[in-house]
Amino acid sequence: MKVFVTGASGHIASAVIPELITAGHAVTGLARSDAAAARVEGLGAEVRRGDLGDRDALTAAADEADGVIHLAFDHAAQGAGDLAGAAATDLLAVQSIGAALAGTGKPFVSTNATGGICLAGFTGLLTEDDVLPGGPRVDAENVTISLASQGVRSSVVRLPPAVHGDGRYGFVSGLIDTARATGRAGYCGDGGNRWGSADTHDVAVVYRIALESAPAGARLHAVAEEGIPLRRIAETIARRLGVPVSPTSAEEAEKRFGYLTPFVAMDNPASSRVTRTSLGWAPSGTGLIESLEQDPALVASAG
């Protein structure tokens, strides 16, 4: 099928687009700059210029496609502390795409984060059956699922905090950058809070199968490792970079971690039992700790 992909120049798309093309799909990717367009073309996809703020362009591209995978999110705004603004843009993008697909029976696979559910108030082991009434990114998830009653085969893939591959680690990359900048790796409290993880290429398989066959209204978890303690992640980073590791007090956390602070403090284990059973998904990629241990770029500073 002809698939329109937003966020086509990003980390997740670098695995999703090849996965789709290998399976015989034709991909058009959204790109807002020349550099992004070059990356999309390098993956073997056609380019559609535009950004998440151009609602008319999103609607037109979705209308022309046989299916849509929505990967884009304004991580720059989130990194600057404007999670609410980034979530609002995401919600408008979902609504624009949904308007084009309503009544067509076409697949629409959107994206949320397991951490988004946690920050919106959920506690405990997150499963695919857990739903919240609203919150940043949760609103867009709920709109996507509601499209199932409007003639769209819609589904949402929830991603764990540590999606890793090719030297990129999701939010763990932020922990690495902080350790390099401050000369020490850290965590909040006792570091017993947990983050789920998955290899990027395993994640790409979830998106492809969801596009091809997920039932309308499905919530899916692309989570290979249910939950790794932050202390263990920080200790691995410290060992690889040759820096000390230490806990961070609540008073110090904001200064040390910036926009990552609420994520570093959250306990976000997530199950993928339903996804594995319903999609036949069997993740086989390298685990997060092993990836960190094997990364040749994670070395102690010569200074």
Protein backbone atom coordinates (compact mmCIF):
# COMPACT_ATOMS: atom_id res chain seq x y z
CA MET A 1 0.00 0.00 0.00
CA LYS A 2 0.97 3.67 -0.30
CA VAL A 3 1.90 4.80 3.21
CA PHE A 4 2.27 8.37 4.42
CA VAL A 5 4.69 8.70 7.36
CA THR A 6 5.12 11.77 9.55
CA GLY A 7 8.34 12.21 11.49
CA ALA A 8 9.99 10.48 8.55
CA SER A 9 13.48 11.83 9.21
CA GLY A 10 13.54 10.79 12.87
CA HIS A 11 15.05 7.93 14.81
CA ILE A 12 11.99 5.66 14.81
CA ALA A 13 11.35 6.26 11.11
CA SER A 14 14.92 5.24 10.27
CA ALA A 15 13.80 1.70 11.08
CA VAL A 16 10.09 1.93 10.20
CA ILE A 17 10.56 3.12 6.61
CA PRO A 18 12.99 0.33 5.61
CA GLU A 19 10.71 -2.19 7.35
CA LEU A 20 7.75 -0.99 5.27
CA ILE A 21 9.68 -0.91 1.99
CA THR A 22 11.08 -4.40 2.56
CA ALA A 23 7.50 -5.60 3.06
CA GLY A 24 6.52 -4.17 -0.33
CA HIS A 25 4.91 -0.89 0.69
CA ALA A 26 5.59 2.46 -1.02
CA VAL A 27 6.40 5.23 1.46
CA THR A 28 6.05 8.99 1.32
CA GLY A 29 7.62 10.81 4.25
CA LEU A 30 6.94 14.27 5.65
CA ALA A 31 10.03 16.50 5.79
CA ARG A 32 10.24 20.14 6.79
CA SER A 33 13.85 20.94 5.75
CA ASP A 34 16.36 20.09 3.05
CA ALA A 35 18.38 18.03 5.51
CA ALA A 36 15.31 16.09 6.60
CA ALA A 37 14.31 15.52 2.97
CA ALA A 38 17.75 14.11 2.21
CA ARG A 39 17.46 11.66 5.11
CA VAL A 40 14.02 10.53 3.95
CA GLU A 41 15.22 10.01 0.40
CA GLY A 42 18.23 8.11 1.72
CA LEU A 43 15.84 5.64 3.35
CA GLY A 44 14.20 4.97 -0.02
CA ALA A 45 11.02 7.01 0.47
CA GLU A 46 9.51 9.85 -1.52
CA VAL A 47 9.41 13.25 0.15
CA ARG A 48 6.43 15.44 0.98
CA ARG A 49 7.52 18.85 2.22
CA GLY A 50 5.66 20.27 5.21
CA ASP A 51 5.38 20.18 8.97
CA LEU A 52 2.91 19.28 11.72
CA GLY A 53 1.51 22.79 11.79
CA ASP A 54 0.24 22.62 8.21
CA ARG A 55 -3.15 20.99 8.73
CA ASP A 56 -4.21 21.27 5.08
CA ALA A 57 -1.02 19.54 3.93
CA LEU A 58 -1.50 16.71 6.43
CA THR A 59 -5.10 16.20 5.36
CA ALA A 60 -4.17 16.16 1.68
CA ALA A 61 -1.31 13.71 2.17
CA ALA A 62 -3.47 11.38 4.25
CA ASP A 63 -6.24 11.54 1.68
CA GLU A 64 -3.85 10.42 -1.07
CA ALA A 65 -2.40 7.52 0.95
CA ASP A 66 -3.70 4.01 1.57
CA GLY A 67 -2.59 4.25 5.19
CA VAL A 68 -0.83 6.61 7.61
CA ILE A 69 1.78 6.14 10.32
CA HIS A 70 2.14 9.17 12.58
CA LEU A 71 5.56 9.24 14.24
CA ALA A 72 6.21 12.98 14.48
CA PHE A 73 6.28 14.89 17.75
CA ASP A 74 7.76 18.31 18.51
CA HIS A 75 10.63 17.10 20.67
CA ALA A 76 12.33 20.49 20.39
CA ALA A 77 9.39 22.15 22.13
CA GLN A 78 9.31 19.39 24.72
CA GLY A 79 13.03 19.78 25.31
CA ALA A 80 12.51 23.50 25.84
CA GLY A 81 9.98 22.75 28.56
CA ASP A 82 6.81 23.17 26.50
CA LEU A 83 5.33 19.68 26.65
CA ALA A 84 1.81 21.15 26.62
CA GLY A 85 2.51 23.03 23.39
CA ALA A 86 4.07 19.98 21.73
CA ALA A 87 1.08 17.86 22.78
CA ALA A 88 -1.36 20.45 21.42
CA THR A 89 0.38 20.40 18.03
CA ASP A 90 0.28 16.61 18.05
CA LEU A 91 -3.45 16.62 18.80
CA LEU A 92 -4.17 18.97 15.89
CA ALA A 93 -2.11 16.76 13.56
CA VAL A 94 -4.06 13.66 14.61
CA GLN A 95 -7.35 15.47 14.08
CA SER A 96 -6.25 16.63 10.61
CA ILE A 97 -5.22 13.14 9.53
CA GLY A 98 -8.36 11.64 11.04
CA ALA A 99 -10.56 14.05 9.10
CA ALA A 100 -9.09 12.78 5.83
CA LEU A 101 -9.42 9.10 6.74
CA ALA A 102 -12.92 9.08 8.26
CA GLY A 103 -15.22 6.62 6.51
CA THR A 104 -12.48 5.11 4.34
CA GLY A 105 -11.59 1.98 6.33
CA LYS A 106 -7.91 2.88 5.88
CA PRO A 107 -5.37 2.14 8.63
CA PHE A 108 -4.04 4.95 10.81
CA VAL A 109 -1.28 4.09 13.28
CA SER A 110 -0.48 6.88 15.72
CA THR A 111 2.00 7.14 18.56
CA ASN A 112 1.98 7.78 22.28
CA ALA A 113 4.54 7.17 25.03
CA THR A 114 4.11 4.90 28.02
CA GLY A 115 5.69 7.75 29.98
CA GLY A 116 2.90 10.05 28.86
CA ILE A 117 0.37 7.76 30.54
CA CYS A 118 2.49 7.74 33.68
CA LEU A 119 2.84 11.53 33.80
CA ALA A 120 -0.93 11.84 33.35
CA GLY A 121 -1.42 10.02 36.65
CA PHE A 122 -1.20 6.28 36.04
CA THR A 123 0.72 4.17 38.56
CA GLY A 124 1.73 0.51 38.53
CA LEU A 125 2.39 -1.86 35.65
CA LEU A 126 0.93 -0.32 32.51
CA THR A 127 -0.92 -2.68 30.17
CA GLU A 128 -2.56 -2.17 26.80
CA ASP A 129 -5.96 -2.22 28.52
CA ASP A 130 -5.17 0.77 30.75
CA VAL A 131 -6.82 3.99 29.56
CA LEU A 132 -6.93 7.50 30.98
CA PRO A 133 -9.53 10.17 30.20
CA GLY A 134 -7.04 12.83 29.19
CA GLY A 135 -3.67 14.54 29.56
CA PRO A 136 -0.72 15.57 27.36
CA ARG A 137 -0.50 13.10 24.45
CA VAL A 138 -3.30 11.04 26.04
CA ASP A 139 -5.84 13.32 24.35
CA ALA A 140 -4.34 12.55 20.93
CA GLU A 141 -4.33 8.82 21.73
CA ASN A 142 -7.99 8.92 22.68
CA VAL A 143 -8.92 10.84 19.52
CA THR A 144 -7.07 8.25 17.43
CA ILE A 145 -8.92 5.39 19.10
CA SER A 146 -12.25 7.18 18.67
CA LEU A 147 -11.70 7.17 14.90
CA ALA A 148 -12.43 3.43 15.00
CA SER A 149 -16.11 4.35 15.30
CA GLN A 150 -15.79 6.66 12.29
CA GLY A 151 -14.70 4.12 9.71
CA VAL A 152 -10.93 4.21 10.33
CA ARG A 153 -8.84 1.16 11.26
CA SER A 154 -7.03 3.21 13.86
CA SER A 155 -4.51 2.05 16.43
CA VAL A 156 -1.94 3.58 18.77
CA VAL A 157 1.58 2.32 19.47
CA ARG A 158 2.86 3.30 22.89
CA LEU A 159 6.64 3.61 23.06
CA PRO A 160 8.82 3.10 26.15
CA PRO A 161 11.26 5.80 27.33
CA ALA A 162 14.31 3.91 26.03
CA VAL A 163 13.90 3.09 22.33
CA HIS A 164 17.45 2.32 21.32
CA GLY A 165 19.45 1.57 18.20
CA ASP A 166 22.34 2.87 16.12
CA GLY A 167 23.78 4.81 19.05
CA ARG A 168 20.51 6.51 20.00
CA TYR A 169 18.67 5.68 23.21
CA GLY A 170 15.53 7.76 23.56
CA PHE A 171 15.48 9.52 26.93
CA VAL A 172 18.59 7.58 27.96
CA SER A 173 20.50 9.74 25.48
CA GLY A 174 19.57 12.69 27.69
CA LEU A 175 21.04 10.90 30.70
CA ILE A 176 24.24 10.30 28.73
CA ASP A 177 24.45 13.96 27.68
CA THR A 178 23.92 15.06 31.29
CA ALA A 179 26.63 12.71 32.53
CA ARG A 180 29.07 14.07 29.97
CA ALA A 181 28.19 17.68 30.76
CA THR A 182 28.32 17.38 34.55
CA GLY A 183 30.99 14.71 34.93
CA ARG A 184 28.74 12.33 36.82
CA ALA A 185 25.83 10.02 36.07
CA GLY A 186 22.77 10.16 38.23
CA TYR A 187 19.23 9.16 39.09
CA CYS A 188 16.55 10.38 41.48
CA GLY A 189 15.89 8.91 44.91
CA ASP A 190 17.17 5.37 45.25
CA GLY A 191 17.03 4.77 41.48
CA GLY A 192 14.61 1.87 41.85
CA ASN A 193 12.08 3.39 39.47
CA ARG A 194 11.93 1.62 36.11
CA TRP A 195 11.90 2.45 32.41
CA GLY A 196 10.82 0.05 29.67
CA SER A 197 12.92 -0.34 26.54
CA ALA A 198 12.93 -1.78 23.03
CA ASP A 199 15.27 -2.04 20.08
CA THR A 200 14.30 0.34 17.27
CA HIS A 201 14.05 -2.44 14.72
CA ASP A 202 11.69 -4.44 16.94
CA VAL A 203 9.60 -1.28 17.31
CA ALA A 204 9.45 -0.93 13.53
CA VAL A 205 7.92 -4.39 13.25
CA VAL A 206 5.09 -3.37 15.57
CA TYR A 207 4.28 -0.39 13.37
CA ARG A 208 4.31 -2.50 10.19
CA ILE A 209 2.06 -5.22 11.60
CA ALA A 210 -0.27 -2.61 13.09
CA LEU A 211 -0.56 -0.94 9.68
CA GLU A 212 -1.23 -4.24 7.95
CA SER A 213 -3.54 -5.98 10.37
CA ALA A 214 -4.18 -4.43 13.80
CA PRO A 215 -7.89 -4.30 14.63
CA ALA A 216 -9.58 -0.93 14.82
CA GLY A 217 -9.23 0.65 18.24
CA ALA A 218 -6.15 -1.32 19.31
CA ARG A 219 -3.68 0.05 21.85
CA LEU A 220 -0.29 -1.60 21.42
CA HIS A 221 2.92 -1.61 23.46
CA ALA A 222 6.25 -1.75 21.60
CA VAL A 223 8.00 -2.75 24.83
CA ALA A 224 10.59 -5.53 24.81
CA GLU A 225 11.98 -5.05 28.34
CA GLU A 226 9.27 -4.34 30.90
CA GLY A 227 11.30 -2.16 33.23
CA ILE A 228 14.97 -1.51 33.97
CA PRO A 229 15.89 0.33 37.20
CA LEU A 230 17.25 3.84 36.55
CA ARG A 231 20.06 3.12 38.97
CA ARG A 232 21.29 0.28 36.76
CA ILE A 233 21.09 2.47 33.65
CA ALA A 234 23.03 5.26 35.39
CA GLU A 235 25.66 2.84 36.69
CA THR A 236 26.19 1.48 33.19
CA ILE A 237 26.55 4.98 31.76
CA ALA A 238 28.99 5.90 34.53
CA ARG A 239 31.13 2.85 33.94
CA ARG A 240 31.25 3.38 30.17
CA LEU A 241 32.09 7.10 30.46
CA GLY A 242 34.48 6.67 33.37
CA VAL A 243 32.58 9.05 35.66
CA PRO A 244 31.12 8.60 39.14
CA VAL A 245 27.45 7.86 39.74
CA SER A 246 25.38 9.47 42.46
CA PRO A 247 21.75 9.98 43.46
CA THR A 248 20.11 13.35 42.94
CA SER A 249 17.93 15.06 45.51
CA ALA A 250 14.55 16.50 44.59
CA GLU A 251 15.97 19.99 45.15
CA GLU A 252 18.86 19.39 42.77
CA ALA A 253 17.03 17.41 40.07
CA GLU A 254 15.64 20.31 38.02
CA LYS A 255 19.05 21.96 37.76
CA ARG A 256 20.72 18.69 36.85
CA PHE A 257 18.21 17.10 34.48
CA GLY A 258 16.17 20.05 33.17
CA TYR A 259 13.14 18.99 31.12
CA LEU A 260 13.97 15.33 31.83
CA THR A 261 13.33 15.72 35.55
CA PRO A 262 9.76 14.35 35.66
CA PHE A 263 10.77 11.45 33.43
CA VAL A 264 13.86 10.59 35.48
CA ALA A 265 11.69 10.42 38.58
CA MET A 266 8.85 8.36 37.11
CA ASP A 267 8.32 4.63 37.63
CA ASN A 268 7.06 3.40 34.25
CA PRO A 269 7.10 -0.40 33.86
CA ALA A 270 4.95 -1.58 30.96
CA SER A 271 3.74 -4.97 29.78
CA SER A 272 3.44 -5.98 26.12
CA ARG A 273 1.68 -9.30 26.64
CA VAL A 274 -1.42 -8.31 24.67
CA THR A 275 0.65 -6.91 21.79
CA ARG A 276 2.79 -10.04 21.56
CA THR A 277 -0.28 -12.26 21.55
CA SER A 278 -2.48 -10.25 19.19
CA LEU A 279 0.21 -9.34 16.65
CA GLY A 280 2.47 -12.36 17.00
CA TRP A 281 5.26 -9.92 17.88
CA ALA A 282 8.44 -11.53 19.20
CA PRO A 283 11.13 -8.91 19.87
CA SER A 284 14.61 -10.26 19.33
CA GLY A 285 16.86 -7.18 19.39
CA THR A 286 19.64 -6.38 21.80
CA GLY A 287 18.63 -5.22 25.27
CA LEU A 288 19.29 -1.69 26.49
CA ILE A 289 22.11 -2.47 28.92
CA GLU A 290 23.88 -4.66 26.37
CA SER A 291 23.55 -1.90 23.76
CA LEU A 292 25.12 0.60 26.13
CA GLU A 293 27.92 -1.83 26.96
CA GLN A 294 28.67 -2.42 23.27
CA ASP A 295 28.47 1.19 22.04
CA PRO A 296 31.97 2.26 20.88
CA ALA A 297 31.02 5.93 21.23
CA LEU A 298 30.49 5.57 24.99
CA VAL A 299 34.05 5.97 26.18
CA ALA A 300 35.78 7.88 28.93
CA SER A 301 36.92 11.39 28.06
CA ALA A 302 40.60 11.69 27.24
CA GLY A 303 40.70 14.76 29.44
